[in-house]
Amino acid sequence: YVESLLLYLEAGSVSLILWSQRILRVISEYLMIEDASGGA
C-alpha cells in the first residue's frame, strides 16, 4: 500500500489538497510503525 501510494501521488495534481488531512494522517502512521522492512 505504501508503495502504491507513492506511485499514485506521483500521478496526482494540485487537487490532492482536497485530501491533505487524510493523506498526512496515513503517511504519519506508516512512517512511525515498525514493520520489519529495515526502513524500506
Full PDB file with SEQRES, HELIX, SHEET, SSBOND, CRYST1, ORIGX, SCALE, CONECT and MASTER records, all heavy atoms in Angstrom:
SEQRES   1 A   40  TYR VAL GLU SER LEU LEU LEU TYR LEU GLU ALA GLY SER          
SEQRES   2 A   40  VAL SER LEU ILE LEU TRP SER GLN ARG ILE LEU ARG VAL          
SEQRES   3 A   40  ILE SER GLU TYR LEU MET ILE GLU ASP ALA SER GLY GLY          
SEQRES   4 A   40  ALA                                                          
HELIX    1 AA1 VAL A    2  GLU A   10  1                                   9    
HELIX    2 AA2 VAL A   14  TRP A   19  5                                   6    
HELIX    3 AA3 SER A   20  MET A   32  1                                  13    
CRYST1    1.000    1.000    1.000  90.00  90.00  90.00 P 1           1          
ORIGX1      1.000000  0.000000  0.000000        0.00000                         
ORIGX2      0.000000  1.000000  0.000000        0.00000                         
ORIGX3      0.000000  0.000000  1.000000        0.00000                         
SCALE1      1.000000  0.000000  0.000000        0.00000                         
SCALE2      0.000000  1.000000  0.000000        0.00000                         
SCALE3      0.000000  0.000000  1.000000        0.00000                         
ATOM      1  N   TYR A   1       0.819  -1.215   0.000  1.00  0.00           N  
ATOM      2  CA  TYR A   1       0.000   0.000   0.000  1.00  0.00           C  
ATOM      3  C   TYR A   1       0.855   1.268   0.000  1.00  0.00           C  
ATOM      4  O   TYR A   1       0.549   2.236  -0.698  1.00  0.00           O  
ATOM      5  CB  TYR A   1      -0.929   0.009   1.211  1.00  0.00           C  
ATOM      6  CG  TYR A   1      -2.131  -0.892   1.075  1.00  0.00           C  
ATOM      7  CD1 TYR A   1      -2.632  -1.588   2.178  1.00  0.00           C  
ATOM      8  CD2 TYR A   1      -2.776  -1.062  -0.143  1.00  0.00           C  
ATOM      9  CE1 TYR A   1      -3.730  -2.423   2.061  1.00  0.00           C  
ATOM     10  CE2 TYR A   1      -3.880  -1.896  -0.267  1.00  0.00           C  
ATOM     11  CZ  TYR A   1      -4.346  -2.573   0.836  1.00  0.00           C  
ATOM     12  OH  TYR A   1      -5.442  -3.397   0.717  1.00  0.00           O  
ATOM     13  N   VAL A   2       1.924   1.274   0.785  1.00  0.00           N  
ATOM     14  CA  VAL A   2       2.737   2.486   0.832  1.00  0.00           C  
ATOM     15  C   VAL A   2       3.487   2.686  -0.491  1.00  0.00           C  
ATOM     16  O   VAL A   2       3.665   3.815  -0.965  1.00  0.00           O  
ATOM     17  CB  VAL A   2       3.703   2.459   2.048  1.00  0.00           C  
ATOM     18  CG1 VAL A   2       4.840   1.477   1.858  1.00  0.00           C  
ATOM     19  CG2 VAL A   2       4.241   3.854   2.328  1.00  0.00           C  
ATOM     20  N   GLU A   3       3.900   1.577  -1.121  1.00  0.00           N  
ATOM     21  CA  GLU A   3       4.496   1.683  -2.459  1.00  0.00           C  
ATOM     22  C   GLU A   3       3.469   2.199  -3.464  1.00  0.00           C  
ATOM     23  O   GLU A   3       3.777   3.048  -4.308  1.00  0.00           O  
ATOM     24  CB  GLU A   3       5.018   0.306  -2.892  1.00  0.00           C  
ATOM     25  CG  GLU A   3       5.663   0.307  -4.272  1.00  0.00           C  
ATOM     26  CD  GLU A   3       6.128  -1.060  -4.723  1.00  0.00           C  
ATOM     27  OE1 GLU A   3       6.107  -2.001  -3.898  1.00  0.00           O  
ATOM     28  OE2 GLU A   3       6.510  -1.202  -5.906  1.00  0.00           O  
ATOM     29  N   SER A   4       2.250   1.710  -3.344  1.00  0.00           N  
ATOM     30  CA  SER A   4       1.175   2.132  -4.244  1.00  0.00           C  
ATOM     31  C   SER A   4       0.829   3.597  -4.040  1.00  0.00           C  
ATOM     32  O   SER A   4       0.555   4.326  -5.000  1.00  0.00           O  
ATOM     33  CB  SER A   4      -0.070   1.277  -4.009  1.00  0.00           C  
ATOM     34  OG  SER A   4       0.189  -0.087  -4.259  1.00  0.00           O  
ATOM     35  N   LEU A   5       0.826   4.038  -2.783  1.00  0.00           N  
ATOM     36  CA  LEU A   5       0.513   5.441  -2.502  1.00  0.00           C  
ATOM     37  C   LEU A   5       1.524   6.370  -3.175  1.00  0.00           C  
ATOM     38  O   LEU A   5       1.146   7.393  -3.762  1.00  0.00           O  
ATOM     39  CB  LEU A   5       0.502   5.690  -0.986  1.00  0.00           C  
ATOM     40  CG  LEU A   5       0.143   7.118  -0.572  1.00  0.00           C  
ATOM     41  CD1 LEU A   5      -1.290   7.454  -0.972  1.00  0.00           C  
ATOM     42  CD2 LEU A   5       0.341   7.313   0.939  1.00  0.00           C  
ATOM     43  N   LEU A   6       2.802   6.010  -3.099  1.00  0.00           N  
ATOM     44  CA  LEU A   6       3.838   6.815  -3.761  1.00  0.00           C  
ATOM     45  C   LEU A   6       3.575   6.889  -5.259  1.00  0.00           C  
ATOM     46  O   LEU A   6       3.596   7.978  -5.861  1.00  0.00           O  
ATOM     47  CB  LEU A   6       5.212   6.216  -3.490  1.00  0.00           C  
ATOM     48  CG  LEU A   6       6.398   6.826  -4.260  1.00  0.00           C  
ATOM     49  CD1 LEU A   6       6.515   8.316  -3.980  1.00  0.00           C  
ATOM     50  CD2 LEU A   6       7.691   6.110  -3.924  1.00  0.00           C  
ATOM     51  N   LEU A   7       3.301   5.748  -5.885  1.00  0.00           N  
ATOM     52  CA  LEU A   7       3.021   5.719  -7.320  1.00  0.00           C  
ATOM     53  C   LEU A   7       1.804   6.571  -7.660  1.00  0.00           C  
ATOM     54  O   LEU A   7       1.799   7.305  -8.656  1.00  0.00           O  
ATOM     55  CB  LEU A   7       2.759   4.276  -7.772  1.00  0.00           C  
ATOM     56  CG  LEU A   7       3.945   3.309  -7.763  1.00  0.00           C  
ATOM     57  CD1 LEU A   7       3.453   1.881  -7.965  1.00  0.00           C  
ATOM     58  CD2 LEU A   7       4.948   3.674  -8.841  1.00  0.00           C  
ATOM     59  N   TYR A   8       0.793   6.472  -6.812  1.00  0.00           N  
ATOM     60  CA  TYR A   8      -0.463   7.154  -7.117  1.00  0.00           C  
ATOM     61  C   TYR A   8      -0.366   8.659  -6.894  1.00  0.00           C  
ATOM     62  O   TYR A   8      -0.935   9.443  -7.664  1.00  0.00           O  
ATOM     63  CB  TYR A   8      -1.591   6.561  -6.275  1.00  0.00           C  
ATOM     64  CG  TYR A   8      -2.933   6.704  -6.937  1.00  0.00           C  
ATOM     65  CD1 TYR A   8      -3.158   6.187  -8.212  1.00  0.00           C  
ATOM     66  CD2 TYR A   8      -3.979   7.367  -6.311  1.00  0.00           C  
ATOM     67  CE1 TYR A   8      -4.385   6.315  -8.834  1.00  0.00           C  
ATOM     68  CE2 TYR A   8      -5.211   7.500  -6.919  1.00  0.00           C  
ATOM     69  CZ  TYR A   8      -5.402   6.973  -8.189  1.00  0.00           C  
ATOM     70  OH  TYR A   8      -6.619   7.121  -8.810  1.00  0.00           O  
ATOM     71  N   LEU A   9       0.346   9.087  -5.863  1.00  0.00           N  
ATOM     72  CA  LEU A   9       0.519  10.523  -5.630  1.00  0.00           C  
ATOM     73  C   LEU A   9       1.314  11.172  -6.760  1.00  0.00           C  
ATOM     74  O   LEU A   9       1.063  12.318  -7.140  1.00  0.00           O  
ATOM     75  CB  LEU A   9       1.211  10.774  -4.287  1.00  0.00           C  
ATOM     76  CG  LEU A   9       0.426  10.413  -3.037  1.00  0.00           C  
ATOM     77  CD1 LEU A   9       1.213  10.783  -1.790  1.00  0.00           C  
ATOM     78  CD2 LEU A   9      -0.947  11.069  -3.013  1.00  0.00           C  
ATOM     79  N   GLU A  10       2.259  10.422  -7.318  1.00  0.00           N  
ATOM     80  CA  GLU A  10       3.041  10.957  -8.433  1.00  0.00           C  
ATOM     81  C   GLU A  10       2.161  11.237  -9.642  1.00  0.00           C  
ATOM     82  O   GLU A  10       2.469  12.103 -10.469  1.00  0.00           O  
ATOM     83  CB  GLU A  10       4.159   9.976  -8.806  1.00  0.00           C  
ATOM     84  CG  GLU A  10       5.294   9.946  -7.794  1.00  0.00           C  
ATOM     85  CD  GLU A  10       6.326   8.875  -8.090  1.00  0.00           C  
ATOM     86  OE1 GLU A  10       5.993   7.924  -8.837  1.00  0.00           O  
ATOM     87  OE2 GLU A  10       7.447   8.961  -7.560  1.00  0.00           O  
ATOM     88  N   ALA A  11       1.049  10.510  -9.767  1.00  0.00           N  
ATOM     89  CA  ALA A  11       0.118  10.719 -10.878  1.00  0.00           C  
ATOM     90  C   ALA A  11      -0.918  11.787 -10.557  1.00  0.00           C  
ATOM     91  O   ALA A  11      -1.746  12.126 -11.412  1.00  0.00           O  
ATOM     92  CB  ALA A  11      -0.594   9.411 -11.220  1.00  0.00           C  
ATOM     93  N   GLY A  12      -0.888  12.321  -9.336  1.00  0.00           N  
ATOM     94  CA  GLY A  12      -1.884  13.300  -8.914  1.00  0.00           C  
ATOM     95  C   GLY A  12      -1.536  14.713  -9.333  1.00  0.00           C  
ATOM     96  O   GLY A  12      -0.560  14.968 -10.041  1.00  0.00           O  
ATOM     97  N   SER A  13      -2.332  15.656  -8.869  1.00  0.00           N  
ATOM     98  CA  SER A  13      -2.151  17.065  -9.218  1.00  0.00           C  
ATOM     99  C   SER A  13      -2.391  17.907  -7.972  1.00  0.00           C  
ATOM    100  O   SER A  13      -2.462  17.385  -6.852  1.00  0.00           O  
ATOM    101  CB  SER A  13      -3.132  17.458 -10.333  1.00  0.00           C  
ATOM    102  OG  SER A  13      -4.464  17.361  -9.858  1.00  0.00           O  
ATOM    103  N   VAL A  14      -2.555  19.181  -8.161  1.00  0.00           N  
ATOM    104  CA  VAL A  14      -2.798  20.083  -7.040  1.00  0.00           C  
ATOM    105  C   VAL A  14      -4.107  19.742  -6.326  1.00  0.00           C  
ATOM    106  O   VAL A  14      -4.314  20.130  -5.169  1.00  0.00           O  
ATOM    107  CB  VAL A  14      -2.812  21.553  -7.546  1.00  0.00           C  
ATOM    108  CG1 VAL A  14      -4.052  21.828  -8.386  1.00  0.00           C  
ATOM    109  CG2 VAL A  14      -2.698  22.545  -6.397  1.00  0.00           C  
ATOM    110  N   SER A  15      -4.979  18.973  -6.967  1.00  0.00           N  
ATOM    111  CA  SER A  15      -6.249  18.587  -6.334  1.00  0.00           C  
ATOM    112  C   SER A  15      -6.040  17.700  -5.107  1.00  0.00           C  
ATOM    113  O   SER A  15      -6.970  17.469  -4.337  1.00  0.00           O  
ATOM    114  CB  SER A  15      -7.149  17.863  -7.336  1.00  0.00           C  
ATOM    115  OG  SER A  15      -6.580  16.624  -7.726  1.00  0.00           O  
ATOM    116  N   LEU A  16      -4.828  17.207  -4.898  1.00  0.00           N  
ATOM    117  CA  LEU A  16      -4.525  16.441  -3.683  1.00  0.00           C  
ATOM    118  C   LEU A  16      -4.738  17.282  -2.429  1.00  0.00           C  
ATOM    119  O   LEU A  16      -4.837  16.741  -1.320  1.00  0.00           O  
ATOM    120  CB  LEU A  16      -3.081  15.927  -3.724  1.00  0.00           C  
ATOM    121  CG  LEU A  16      -2.789  14.794  -4.717  1.00  0.00           C  
ATOM    122  CD1 LEU A  16      -1.302  14.539  -4.812  1.00  0.00           C  
ATOM    123  CD2 LEU A  16      -3.517  13.523  -4.309  1.00  0.00           C  
ATOM    124  N   ILE A  17      -4.793  18.594  -2.602  1.00  0.00           N  
ATOM    125  CA  ILE A  17      -5.099  19.488  -1.475  1.00  0.00           C  
ATOM    126  C   ILE A  17      -6.388  19.057  -0.788  1.00  0.00           C  
ATOM    127  O   ILE A  17      -6.517  19.147   0.442  1.00  0.00           O  
ATOM    128  CB  ILE A  17      -5.211  20.951  -1.980  1.00  0.00           C  
ATOM    129  CG1 ILE A  17      -3.810  21.515  -2.272  1.00  0.00           C  
ATOM    130  CG2 ILE A  17      -5.945  21.835  -0.979  1.00  0.00           C  
ATOM    131  CD1 ILE A  17      -3.815  22.879  -2.897  1.00  0.00           C  
ATOM    132  N   LEU A  18      -7.358  18.580  -1.571  1.00  0.00           N  
ATOM    133  CA  LEU A  18      -8.643  18.157  -1.016  1.00  0.00           C  
ATOM    134  C   LEU A  18      -8.503  16.996  -0.034  1.00  0.00           C  
ATOM    135  O   LEU A  18      -9.376  16.777   0.805  1.00  0.00           O  
ATOM    136  CB  LEU A  18      -9.588  17.746  -2.150  1.00  0.00           C  
ATOM    137  CG  LEU A  18      -9.935  18.821  -3.192  1.00  0.00           C  
ATOM    138  CD1 LEU A  18     -10.711  18.214  -4.348  1.00  0.00           C  
ATOM    139  CD2 LEU A  18     -10.724  19.944  -2.546  1.00  0.00           C  
ATOM    140  N   TRP A  19      -7.401  16.237  -0.164  1.00  0.00           N  
ATOM    141  CA  TRP A  19      -7.191  15.055   0.663  1.00  0.00           C  
ATOM    142  C   TRP A  19      -6.064  15.260   1.686  1.00  0.00           C  
ATOM    143  O   TRP A  19      -5.567  14.297   2.268  1.00  0.00           O  
ATOM    144  CB  TRP A  19      -6.841  13.860  -0.227  1.00  0.00           C  
ATOM    145  CG  TRP A  19      -7.930  13.515  -1.196  1.00  0.00           C  
ATOM    146  CD1 TRP A  19      -8.105  13.993  -2.456  1.00  0.00           C  
ATOM    147  CD2 TRP A  19      -9.019  12.626  -0.957  1.00  0.00           C  
ATOM    148  NE1 TRP A  19      -9.223  13.459  -3.033  1.00  0.00           N  
ATOM    149  CE2 TRP A  19      -9.810  12.601  -2.130  1.00  0.00           C  
ATOM    150  CE3 TRP A  19      -9.402  11.829   0.123  1.00  0.00           C  
ATOM    151  CZ2 TRP A  19     -10.959  11.829  -2.237  1.00  0.00           C  
ATOM    152  CZ3 TRP A  19     -10.543  11.049   0.015  1.00  0.00           C  
ATOM    153  CH2 TRP A  19     -11.310  11.068  -1.151  1.00  0.00           C  
ATOM    154  N   SER A  20      -5.681  16.506   1.930  1.00  0.00           N  
ATOM    155  CA  SER A  20      -4.486  16.810   2.729  1.00  0.00           C  
ATOM    156  C   SER A  20      -4.481  16.116   4.081  1.00  0.00           C  
ATOM    157  O   SER A  20      -3.515  15.416   4.432  1.00  0.00           O  
ATOM    158  CB  SER A  20      -4.364  18.324   2.935  1.00  0.00           C  
ATOM    159  OG  SER A  20      -4.057  18.968   1.723  1.00  0.00           O  
ATOM    160  N   GLN A  21      -5.514  16.314   4.869  1.00  0.00           N  
ATOM    161  CA  GLN A  21      -5.504  15.801   6.233  1.00  0.00           C  
ATOM    162  C   GLN A  21      -5.450  14.278   6.270  1.00  0.00           C  
ATOM    163  O   GLN A  21      -4.731  13.694   7.082  1.00  0.00           O  
ATOM    164  CB  GLN A  21      -6.750  16.304   6.988  1.00  0.00           C  
ATOM    165  CG  GLN A  21      -6.760  17.814   7.192  1.00  0.00           C  
ATOM    166  CD  GLN A  21      -5.487  18.317   7.855  1.00  0.00           C  
ATOM    167  OE1 GLN A  21      -5.099  17.829   8.926  1.00  0.00           O  
ATOM    168  NE2 GLN A  21      -4.823  19.269   7.230  1.00  0.00           N  
ATOM    169  N   ARG A  22      -6.188  13.661   5.385  1.00  0.00           N  
ATOM    170  CA  ARG A  22      -6.220  12.193   5.396  1.00  0.00           C  
ATOM    171  C   ARG A  22      -4.900  11.607   4.914  1.00  0.00           C  
ATOM    172  O   ARG A  22      -4.394  10.624   5.464  1.00  0.00           O  
ATOM    173  CB  ARG A  22      -7.371  11.695   4.524  1.00  0.00           C  
ATOM    174  CG  ARG A  22      -7.723  10.249   4.794  1.00  0.00           C  
ATOM    175  CD  ARG A  22      -9.058   9.892   4.222  1.00  0.00           C  
ATOM    176  NE  ARG A  22      -9.391   8.500   4.489  1.00  0.00           N  
ATOM    177  CZ  ARG A  22     -10.452   7.893   4.007  1.00  0.00           C  
ATOM    178  NH1 ARG A  22     -11.291   8.564   3.232  1.00  0.00           N  
ATOM    179  NH2 ARG A  22     -10.690   6.631   4.293  1.00  0.00           N  
ATOM    180  N   ILE A  23      -4.320  12.196   3.861  1.00  0.00           N  
ATOM    181  CA  ILE A  23      -3.036  11.714   3.354  1.00  0.00           C  
ATOM    182  C   ILE A  23      -1.952  11.863   4.408  1.00  0.00           C  
ATOM    183  O   ILE A  23      -1.166  10.935   4.650  1.00  0.00           O  
ATOM    184  CB  ILE A  23      -2.651  12.463   2.059  1.00  0.00           C  
ATOM    185  CG1 ILE A  23      -3.574  12.036   0.903  1.00  0.00           C  
ATOM    186  CG2 ILE A  23      -1.191  12.186   1.690  1.00  0.00           C  
ATOM    187  CD1 ILE A  23      -3.374  12.834  -0.371  1.00  0.00           C  
ATOM    188  N   LEU A  24      -1.903  13.017   5.075  1.00  0.00           N  
ATOM    189  CA  LEU A  24      -0.879  13.250   6.092  1.00  0.00           C  
ATOM    190  C   LEU A  24      -1.058  12.301   7.276  1.00  0.00           C  
ATOM    191  O   LEU A  24      -0.071  11.830   7.857  1.00  0.00           O  
ATOM    192  CB  LEU A  24      -0.929  14.708   6.555  1.00  0.00           C  
ATOM    193  CG  LEU A  24      -0.417  15.731   5.528  1.00  0.00           C  
ATOM    194  CD1 LEU A  24      -0.681  17.155   6.005  1.00  0.00           C  
ATOM    195  CD2 LEU A  24       1.068  15.539   5.260  1.00  0.00           C  
ATOM    196  N   ARG A  25      -2.304  12.018   7.626  1.00  0.00           N  
ATOM    197  CA  ARG A  25      -2.556  11.091   8.737  1.00  0.00           C  
ATOM    198  C   ARG A  25      -2.060   9.687   8.401  1.00  0.00           C  
ATOM    199  O   ARG A  25      -1.413   9.024   9.224  1.00  0.00           O  
ATOM    200  CB  ARG A  25      -4.055  11.069   9.033  1.00  0.00           C  
ATOM    201  CG  ARG A  25      -4.405  10.206  10.250  1.00  0.00           C  
ATOM    202  CD  ARG A  25      -5.845  10.390  10.672  1.00  0.00           C  
ATOM    203  NE  ARG A  25      -6.780   9.777   9.740  1.00  0.00           N  
ATOM    204  CZ  ARG A  25      -7.703  10.449   9.055  1.00  0.00           C  
ATOM    205  NH1 ARG A  25      -7.774  11.778   9.168  1.00  0.00           N  
ATOM    206  NH2 ARG A  25      -8.528   9.822   8.245  1.00  0.00           N  
ATOM    207  N   VAL A  26      -2.324   9.240   7.183  1.00  0.00           N  
ATOM    208  CA  VAL A  26      -1.891   7.902   6.764  1.00  0.00           C  
ATOM    209  C   VAL A  26      -0.376   7.827   6.661  1.00  0.00           C  
ATOM    210  O   VAL A  26       0.246   6.864   7.139  1.00  0.00           O  
ATOM    211  CB  VAL A  26      -2.549   7.535   5.411  1.00  0.00           C  
ATOM    212  CG1 VAL A  26      -1.892   6.293   4.816  1.00  0.00           C  
ATOM    213  CG2 VAL A  26      -4.041   7.303   5.585  1.00  0.00           C  
ATOM    214  N   ILE A  27       0.241   8.832   6.059  1.00  0.00           N  
ATOM    215  CA  ILE A  27       1.701   8.841   5.923  1.00  0.00           C  
ATOM    216  C   ILE A  27       2.363   8.836   7.297  1.00  0.00           C  
ATOM    217  O   ILE A  27       3.352   8.121   7.529  1.00  0.00           O  
ATOM    218  CB  ILE A  27       2.161  10.049   5.093  1.00  0.00           C  
ATOM    219  CG1 ILE A  27       1.778   9.851   3.618  1.00  0.00           C  
ATOM    220  CG2 ILE A  27       3.672  10.252   5.217  1.00  0.00           C  
ATOM    221  CD1 ILE A  27       2.129  11.028   2.723  1.00  0.00           C  
ATOM    222  N   SER A  28       1.821   9.617   8.224  1.00  0.00           N  
ATOM    223  CA  SER A  28       2.383   9.669   9.577  1.00  0.00           C  
ATOM    224  C   SER A  28       2.362   8.295  10.236  1.00  0.00           C  
ATOM    225  O   SER A  28       3.348   7.863  10.850  1.00  0.00           O  
ATOM    226  CB  SER A  28       1.575  10.659  10.425  1.00  0.00           C  
ATOM    227  OG  SER A  28       2.029  10.650  11.757  1.00  0.00           O  
ATOM    228  N   GLU A  29       1.258   7.579  10.079  1.00  0.00           N  
ATOM    229  CA  GLU A  29       1.165   6.244  10.681  1.00  0.00           C  
ATOM    230  C   GLU A  29       2.174   5.292  10.065  1.00  0.00           C  
ATOM    231  O   GLU A  29       2.839   4.523  10.772  1.00  0.00           O  
ATOM    232  CB  GLU A  29      -0.252   5.691  10.495  1.00  0.00           C  
ATOM    233  CG  GLU A  29      -0.418   4.314  11.115  1.00  0.00           C  
ATOM    234  CD  GLU A  29      -1.728   3.649  10.724  1.00  0.00           C  
ATOM    235  OE1 GLU A  29      -2.603   4.325  10.155  1.00  0.00           O  
ATOM    236  OE2 GLU A  29      -1.855   2.441  10.979  1.00  0.00           O  
ATOM    237  N   TYR A  30       2.321   5.336   8.751  1.00  0.00           N  
ATOM    238  CA  TYR A  30       3.225   4.400   8.079  1.00  0.00           C  
ATOM    239  C   TYR A  30       4.695   4.759   8.323  1.00  0.00           C  
ATOM    240  O   TYR A  30       5.563   3.901   8.206  1.00  0.00           O  
ATOM    241  CB  TYR A  30       2.926   4.363   6.575  1.00  0.00           C  
ATOM    242  CG  TYR A  30       1.806   3.399   6.244  1.00  0.00           C  
ATOM    243  CD1 TYR A  30       0.499   3.666   6.631  1.00  0.00           C  
ATOM    244  CD2 TYR A  30       2.052   2.202   5.579  1.00  0.00           C  
ATOM    245  CE1 TYR A  30      -0.541   2.791   6.357  1.00  0.00           C  
ATOM    246  CE2 TYR A  30       1.024   1.310   5.300  1.00  0.00           C  
ATOM    247  CZ  TYR A  30      -0.270   1.610   5.695  1.00  0.00           C  
ATOM    248  OH  TYR A  30      -1.285   0.729   5.424  1.00  0.00           O  
ATOM    249  N   LEU A  31       4.963   6.013   8.664  1.00  0.00           N  
ATOM    250  CA  LEU A  31       6.338   6.404   8.967  1.00  0.00           C  
ATOM    251  C   LEU A  31       6.777   5.940  10.351  1.00  0.00           C  
ATOM    252  O   LEU A  31       7.949   5.620  10.565  1.00  0.00           O  
ATOM    253  CB  LEU A  31       6.474   7.930   8.889  1.00  0.00           C  
ATOM    254  CG  LEU A  31       6.671   8.535   7.498  1.00  0.00           C  
ATOM    255  CD1 LEU A  31       6.594  10.056   7.570  1.00  0.00           C  
ATOM    256  CD2 LEU A  31       8.004   8.108   6.898  1.00  0.00           C  
ATOM    257  N   MET A  32       5.852   5.889  11.287  1.00  0.00           N  
ATOM    258  CA  MET A  32       6.235   5.692  12.675  1.00  0.00           C  
ATOM    259  C   MET A  32       6.032   4.277  13.200  1.00  0.00           C  
ATOM    260  O   MET A  32       6.369   3.979  14.342  1.00  0.00           O  
ATOM    261  CB  MET A  32       5.443   6.665  13.578  1.00  0.00           C  
ATOM    262  CG  MET A  32       5.668   8.131  13.230  1.00  0.00           C  
ATOM    263  SD  MET A  32       7.425   8.589  13.030  1.00  0.00           S  
ATOM    264  CE  MET A  32       8.065   8.186  14.651  1.00  0.00           C  
ATOM    265  N   ILE A  33       5.496   3.359  12.374  1.00  0.00           N  
ATOM    266  CA  ILE A  33       5.249   1.992  12.853  1.00  0.00           C  
ATOM    267  C   ILE A  33       6.282   1.032  12.259  1.00  0.00           C  
ATOM    268  O   ILE A  33       6.500   1.001  11.049  1.00  0.00           O  
ATOM    269  CB  ILE A  33       3.821   1.535  12.482  1.00  0.00           C  
ATOM    270  CG1 ILE A  33       2.792   2.360  13.274  1.00  0.00           C  
ATOM    271  CG2 ILE A  33       3.636   0.053  12.753  1.00  0.00           C  
ATOM    272  CD1 ILE A  33       1.363   2.004  12.989  1.00  0.00           C  
ATOM    273  N   GLU A  34       6.907   0.270  13.116  1.00  0.00           N  
ATOM    274  CA  GLU A  34       7.893  -0.729  12.705  1.00  0.00           C  
ATOM    275  C   GLU A  34       7.198  -1.867  11.963  1.00  0.00           C  
ATOM    276  O   GLU A  34       6.176  -2.389  12.410  1.00  0.00           O  
ATOM    277  CB  GLU A  34       8.608  -1.270  13.955  1.00  0.00           C  
ATOM    278  CG  GLU A  34       9.486  -2.468  13.703  1.00  0.00           C  
ATOM    279  CD  GLU A  34      10.652  -2.150  12.792  1.00  0.00           C  
ATOM    280  OE1 GLU A  34      11.478  -1.307  13.158  1.00  0.00           O  
ATOM    281  OE2 GLU A  34      10.696  -2.755  11.699  1.00  0.00           O  
ATOM    282  N   ASP A  35       7.753  -2.244  10.802  1.00  0.00           N  
ATOM    283  CA  ASP A  35       7.132  -3.330  10.028  1.00  0.00           C  
ATOM    284  C   ASP A  35       8.159  -4.353   9.526  1.00  0.00           C  
ATOM    285  O   ASP A  35       7.883  -5.101   8.591  1.00  0.00           O  
ATOM    286  CB  ASP A  35       6.341  -2.767   8.854  1.00  0.00           C  
ATOM    287  CG  ASP A  35       7.223  -2.031   7.844  1.00  0.00           C  
ATOM    288  OD1 ASP A  35       8.438  -1.897   8.099  1.00  0.00           O  
ATOM    289  OD2 ASP A  35       6.700  -1.602   6.800  1.00  0.00           O  
ATOM    290  N   ALA A  36       9.327  -4.358  10.147  1.00  0.00           N  
ATOM    291  CA  ALA A  36      10.374  -5.344   9.825  1.00  0.00           C  
ATOM    292  C   ALA A  36      10.868  -5.233   8.385  1.00  0.00           C  
ATOM    293  O   ALA A  36      11.364  -6.200   7.821  1.00  0.00           O  
ATOM    294  CB  ALA A  36       9.876  -6.762  10.086  1.00  0.00           C  
ATOM    295  N   SER A  37      10.747  -4.051   7.788  1.00  0.00           N  
ATOM    296  CA  SER A  37      11.226  -3.858   6.412  1.00  0.00           C  
ATOM    297  C   SER A  37      12.630  -3.263   6.371  1.00  0.00           C  
ATOM    298  O   SER A  37      13.158  -2.994   5.290  1.00  0.00           O  
ATOM    299  CB  SER A  37      10.265  -2.949   5.641  1.00  0.00           C  
ATOM    300  OG  SER A  37      10.280  -1.628   6.159  1.00  0.00           O  
ATOM    301  N   GLY A  38      13.225  -3.036   7.533  1.00  0.00           N  
ATOM    302  CA  GLY A  38      14.549  -2.427   7.569  1.00  0.00           C  
ATOM    303  C   GLY A  38      14.541  -0.964   7.169  1.00  0.00           C  
ATOM    304  O   GLY A  38      15.564  -0.417   6.763  1.00  0.00           O  
ATOM    305  N   GLY A  39      13.383  -0.331   7.297  1.00  0.00           N  
ATOM    306  CA  GLY A  39      13.270   1.089   6.939  1.00  0.00           C  
ATOM    307  C   GLY A  39      12.780   1.325   5.523  1.00  0.00           C  
ATOM    308  O   GLY A  39      12.544   2.470   5.130  1.00  0.00           O  
ATOM    309  N   ALA A  40      12.602   0.237   4.737  1.00  0.00           N  
ATOM    310  CA  ALA A  40      12.197   0.395   3.337  1.00  0.00           C  
ATOM    311  C   ALA A  40      10.807   1.025   3.220  1.00  0.00           C  
ATOM    312  O   ALA A  40      10.572   1.883   2.364  1.00  0.00           O  
ATOM    313  CB  ALA A  40      12.217  -0.958   2.631  1.00  0.00           C  
TER     314      ALA A  40                                                      
MASTER        0    0    0    3    0    0    0    6  313    1    0    4          
END                                                                             
